[in-house]
């Protein structure tokens, strides 16, 4: 049986910037300057839940998420790393990785719905470019 090709959900394509890919996951940056907010999306068609993935992909997802979360924590000196797969608004399986600070606008609550997104600026992009150099060194990551 032929597998359907992976297609990124329209909402994620609209709201995020594609940074690159791990062997399993597409790595996205949420276009919101209020938080270092990234999303990992397994590149598998029609997957809504982690348990829908094959066992090998479940394990790969866990590894890629852990590697990414460690980089996020180290790079942003966060007080807490939030990792979540909700899917209430976008059913495609996607895992949020957000660096949180006790002084951020939504602390201690969730970032969803706390305030409207504020688009990244050119200055944000330039500062982020330095972080990308570190991201590109993660095992298996291939820049977009």
C-alpha atoms as a PDB file:
ATOM      1  CA  UNK A   1       0.000   0.000   0.000  1.00  0.00           C
ATOM      2  CA  UNK A   2       1.330   3.404  -0.970  1.00  0.00           C
ATOM      3  CA  UNK A   3       1.742   5.894   1.874  1.00  0.00           C
ATOM      4  CA  UNK A   4       0.174   9.323   1.605  1.00  0.00           C
ATOM      5  CA  UNK A   5       2.683  12.184   1.503  1.00  0.00           C
ATOM      6  CA  UNK A   6       3.180  14.398   4.547  1.00  0.00           C
ATOM      7  CA  UNK A   7       1.474  17.780   4.372  1.00  0.00           C
ATOM      8  CA  UNK A   8       1.858  20.405   7.065  1.00  0.00           C
ATOM      9  CA  UNK A   9      -1.459  21.630   8.488  1.00  0.00           C
ATOM     10  CA  UNK A  10      -2.477  24.974   6.992  1.00  0.00           C
ATOM     11  CA  UNK A  11      -2.612  26.653  10.417  1.00  0.00           C
ATOM     12  CA  UNK A  12       0.967  25.628  11.220  1.00  0.00           C
ATOM     13  CA  UNK A  13       2.183  26.713   7.777  1.00  0.00           C
ATOM     14  CA  UNK A  14       0.472  30.089   8.281  1.00  0.00           C
ATOM     15  CA  UNK A  15       1.626  30.764  11.857  1.00  0.00           C
ATOM     16  CA  UNK A  16       5.159  29.336  11.815  1.00  0.00           C
ATOM     17  CA  UNK A  17       8.531  29.570  10.114  1.00  0.00           C
ATOM     18  CA  UNK A  18      10.084  26.322   8.862  1.00  0.00           C
ATOM     19  CA  UNK A  19      13.602  26.064  10.315  1.00  0.00           C
ATOM     20  CA  UNK A  20      14.591  22.575   9.204  1.00  0.00           C
ATOM     21  CA  UNK A  21      14.060  18.903   9.859  1.00  0.00           C
ATOM     22  CA  UNK A  22      15.195  16.099  12.095  1.00  0.00           C
ATOM     23  CA  UNK A  23      14.954  12.588  10.606  1.00  0.00           C
ATOM     24  CA  UNK A  24      11.307  12.388  11.786  1.00  0.00           C
ATOM     25  CA  UNK A  25      10.151  15.875  12.722  1.00  0.00           C
ATOM     26  CA  UNK A  26       9.801  19.183  10.939  1.00  0.00           C
ATOM     27  CA  UNK A  27      11.024  22.001  13.208  1.00  0.00           C
ATOM     28  CA  UNK A  28       8.955  25.178  13.207  1.00  0.00           C
ATOM     29  CA  UNK A  29       9.317  28.528  14.960  1.00  0.00           C
ATOM     30  CA  UNK A  30       6.048  30.142  16.050  1.00  0.00           C
ATOM     31  CA  UNK A  31       5.865  33.682  14.696  1.00  0.00           C
ATOM     32  CA  UNK A  32       5.361  35.230  18.136  1.00  0.00           C
ATOM     33  CA  UNK A  33       8.121  37.302  19.695  1.00  0.00           C
ATOM     34  CA  UNK A  34       6.699  36.975  23.230  1.00  0.00           C
ATOM     35  CA  UNK A  35       8.113  33.467  23.752  1.00  0.00           C
ATOM     36  CA  UNK A  36      10.848  31.224  22.350  1.00  0.00           C
ATOM     37  CA  UNK A  37       8.174  28.884  20.947  1.00  0.00           C
ATOM     38  CA  UNK A  38       8.969  25.987  18.656  1.00  0.00           C
ATOM     39  CA  UNK A  39       6.897  23.139  17.269  1.00  0.00           C
ATOM     40  CA  UNK A  40       8.019  19.672  16.204  1.00  0.00           C
ATOM     41  CA  UNK A  41       5.745  17.934  13.691  1.00  0.00           C
ATOM     42  CA  UNK A  42       6.326  14.273  12.792  1.00  0.00           C
ATOM     43  CA  UNK A  43       6.427  14.081   9.004  1.00  0.00           C
ATOM     44  CA  UNK A  44       3.831  11.337   8.747  1.00  0.00           C
ATOM     45  CA  UNK A  45       0.461  11.685   7.014  1.00  0.00           C
ATOM     46  CA  UNK A  46      -2.808  11.539   8.942  1.00  0.00           C
ATOM     47  CA  UNK A  47      -1.294  11.249  12.430  1.00  0.00           C
ATOM     48  CA  UNK A  48      -3.206  12.917  15.242  1.00  0.00           C
ATOM     49  CA  UNK A  49      -1.846  11.176  18.338  1.00  0.00           C
ATOM     50  CA  UNK A  50       1.547   9.875  19.431  1.00  0.00           C
ATOM     51  CA  UNK A  51       0.119   6.358  19.705  1.00  0.00           C
ATOM     52  CA  UNK A  52      -0.845   6.544  15.994  1.00  0.00           C
ATOM     53  CA  UNK A  53       2.882   6.489  15.142  1.00  0.00           C
ATOM     54  CA  UNK A  54       4.737   3.236  14.598  1.00  0.00           C
ATOM     55  CA  UNK A  55       6.715   2.210  17.702  1.00  0.00           C
ATOM     56  CA  UNK A  56      10.055   3.168  16.112  1.00  0.00           C
ATOM     57  CA  UNK A  57       8.668   6.617  15.268  1.00  0.00           C
ATOM     58  CA  UNK A  58       7.324   7.020  18.825  1.00  0.00           C
ATOM     59  CA  UNK A  59      10.835   6.386  20.135  1.00  0.00           C
ATOM     60  CA  UNK A  60      12.408   8.683  17.541  1.00  0.00           C
ATOM     61  CA  UNK A  61       9.921  11.430  18.457  1.00  0.00           C
ATOM     62  CA  UNK A  62      10.886  11.109  22.115  1.00  0.00           C
ATOM     63  CA  UNK A  63      14.598  11.344  21.247  1.00  0.00           C
ATOM     64  CA  UNK A  64      14.175  14.313  18.911  1.00  0.00           C
ATOM     65  CA  UNK A  65      11.948  16.125  21.419  1.00  0.00           C
ATOM     66  CA  UNK A  66      14.452  15.531  24.233  1.00  0.00           C
ATOM     67  CA  UNK A  67      17.417  16.687  22.142  1.00  0.00           C
ATOM     68  CA  UNK A  68      15.486  19.782  21.101  1.00  0.00           C
ATOM     69  CA  UNK A  69      14.263  20.551  24.635  1.00  0.00           C
ATOM     70  CA  UNK A  70      17.829  20.331  25.979  1.00  0.00           C
ATOM     71  CA  UNK A  71      19.019  22.750  23.269  1.00  0.00           C
ATOM     72  CA  UNK A  72      16.110  25.087  24.043  1.00  0.00           C
ATOM     73  CA  UNK A  73      16.869  25.068  27.763  1.00  0.00           C
ATOM     74  CA  UNK A  74      20.585  25.627  27.225  1.00  0.00           C
ATOM     75  CA  UNK A  75      20.153  28.295  24.538  1.00  0.00           C
ATOM     76  CA  UNK A  76      17.505  30.361  26.272  1.00  0.00           C
ATOM     77  CA  UNK A  77      18.343  29.792  29.957  1.00  0.00           C
ATOM     78  CA  UNK A  78      14.660  29.191  30.599  1.00  0.00           C
ATOM     79  CA  UNK A  79      13.105  28.839  34.029  1.00  0.00           C
ATOM     80  CA  UNK A  80      10.929  26.040  32.637  1.00  0.00           C
ATOM     81  CA  UNK A  81      10.510  24.201  29.334  1.00  0.00           C
ATOM     82  CA  UNK A  82       6.868  23.496  28.469  1.00  0.00           C
ATOM     83  CA  UNK A  83       6.319  20.553  26.135  1.00  0.00           C
ATOM     84  CA  UNK A  84       2.770  19.798  25.040  1.00  0.00           C
ATOM     85  CA  UNK A  85       0.741  18.052  22.358  1.00  0.00           C
ATOM     86  CA  UNK A  86      -2.822  19.364  22.579  1.00  0.00           C
ATOM     87  CA  UNK A  87      -4.312  19.226  19.091  1.00  0.00           C
ATOM     88  CA  UNK A  88      -7.646  20.742  20.032  1.00  0.00           C
ATOM     89  CA  UNK A  89      -7.416  23.443  17.346  1.00  0.00           C
ATOM     90  CA  UNK A  90      -5.026  21.733  14.902  1.00  0.00           C
ATOM     91  CA  UNK A  91      -5.587  17.964  14.849  1.00  0.00           C
ATOM     92  CA  UNK A  92      -2.271  17.147  13.116  1.00  0.00           C
ATOM     93  CA  UNK A  93       0.158  15.794  15.717  1.00  0.00           C
ATOM     94  CA  UNK A  94       2.512  18.601  16.711  1.00  0.00           C
ATOM     95  CA  UNK A  95       4.542  19.048  19.876  1.00  0.00           C
ATOM     96  CA  UNK A  96       5.001  22.539  21.310  1.00  0.00           C
ATOM     97  CA  UNK A  97       8.362  23.322  22.958  1.00  0.00           C
ATOM     98  CA  UNK A  98       8.256  26.672  24.743  1.00  0.00           C
ATOM     99  CA  UNK A  99      10.928  28.325  26.879  1.00  0.00           C
ATOM    100  CA  UNK A 100       9.124  29.927  29.797  1.00  0.00           C
ATOM    101  CA  UNK A 101      10.238  32.520  32.316  1.00  0.00           C
ATOM    102  CA  UNK A 102       8.689  33.496  35.631  1.00  0.00           C
ATOM    103  CA  UNK A 103       8.511  37.053  34.274  1.00  0.00           C
ATOM    104  CA  UNK A 104       6.867  36.279  30.895  1.00  0.00           C
ATOM    105  CA  UNK A 105       3.446  37.717  30.052  1.00  0.00           C
ATOM    106  CA  UNK A 106       1.502  34.491  30.654  1.00  0.00           C
ATOM    107  CA  UNK A 107       3.396  33.040  33.646  1.00  0.00           C
ATOM    108  CA  UNK A 108       2.389  30.800  35.365  1.00  0.00           C
ATOM    109  CA  UNK A 109      -0.535  30.040  33.052  1.00  0.00           C
ATOM    110  CA  UNK A 110      -0.437  28.586  29.550  1.00  0.00           C
ATOM    111  CA  UNK A 111       0.609  30.776  26.628  1.00  0.00           C
ATOM    112  CA  UNK A 112      -2.402  29.776  24.521  1.00  0.00           C
ATOM    113  CA  UNK A 113      -4.894  32.607  24.491  1.00  0.00           C
ATOM    114  CA  UNK A 114      -2.960  34.683  27.035  1.00  0.00           C
ATOM    115  CA  UNK A 115      -2.493  37.487  24.535  1.00  0.00           C
ATOM    116  CA  UNK A 116      -2.501  37.920  20.750  1.00  0.00           C
ATOM    117  CA  UNK A 117       0.684  36.909  18.956  1.00  0.00           C
ATOM    118  CA  UNK A 118       3.203  39.652  18.222  1.00  0.00           C
ATOM    119  CA  UNK A 119       5.060  38.943  14.984  1.00  0.00           C
ATOM    120  CA  UNK A 120       8.825  38.573  15.020  1.00  0.00           C
ATOM    121  CA  UNK A 121      10.771  41.666  13.959  1.00  0.00           C
ATOM    122  CA  UNK A 122      13.931  41.925  11.868  1.00  0.00           C
ATOM    123  CA  UNK A 123      15.837  42.487  15.112  1.00  0.00           C
ATOM    124  CA  UNK A 124      14.349  39.263  16.530  1.00  0.00           C
ATOM    125  CA  UNK A 125      15.376  37.405  13.378  1.00  0.00           C
ATOM    126  CA  UNK A 126      18.952  38.664  13.636  1.00  0.00           C
ATOM    127  CA  UNK A 127      19.222  37.617  17.291  1.00  0.00           C
ATOM    128  CA  UNK A 128      17.694  34.271  16.452  1.00  0.00           C
ATOM    129  CA  UNK A 129      20.212  33.717  13.631  1.00  0.00           C
ATOM    130  CA  UNK A 130      22.924  33.243  16.262  1.00  0.00           C
ATOM    131  CA  UNK A 131      20.810  30.578  17.990  1.00  0.00           C
ATOM    132  CA  UNK A 132      20.330  28.811  14.649  1.00  0.00           C
ATOM    133  CA  UNK A 133      24.049  28.184  14.408  1.00  0.00           C
ATOM    134  CA  UNK A 134      23.750  26.085  17.579  1.00  0.00           C
ATOM    135  CA  UNK A 135      20.562  24.416  16.342  1.00  0.00           C
ATOM    136  CA  UNK A 136      22.286  23.347  13.129  1.00  0.00           C
ATOM    137  CA  UNK A 137      24.805  21.397  15.207  1.00  0.00           C
ATOM    138  CA  UNK A 138      22.174  19.143  16.793  1.00  0.00           C
ATOM    139  CA  UNK A 139      22.443  15.479  15.740  1.00  0.00           C
ATOM    140  CA  UNK A 140      20.368  14.764  12.650  1.00  0.00           C
ATOM    141  CA  UNK A 141      19.110  18.332  12.140  1.00  0.00           C
ATOM    142  CA  UNK A 142      19.088  19.581   8.542  1.00  0.00           C
ATOM    143  CA  UNK A 143      18.343  23.312   8.039  1.00  0.00           C
ATOM    144  CA  UNK A 144      15.522  24.375   5.712  1.00  0.00           C
END
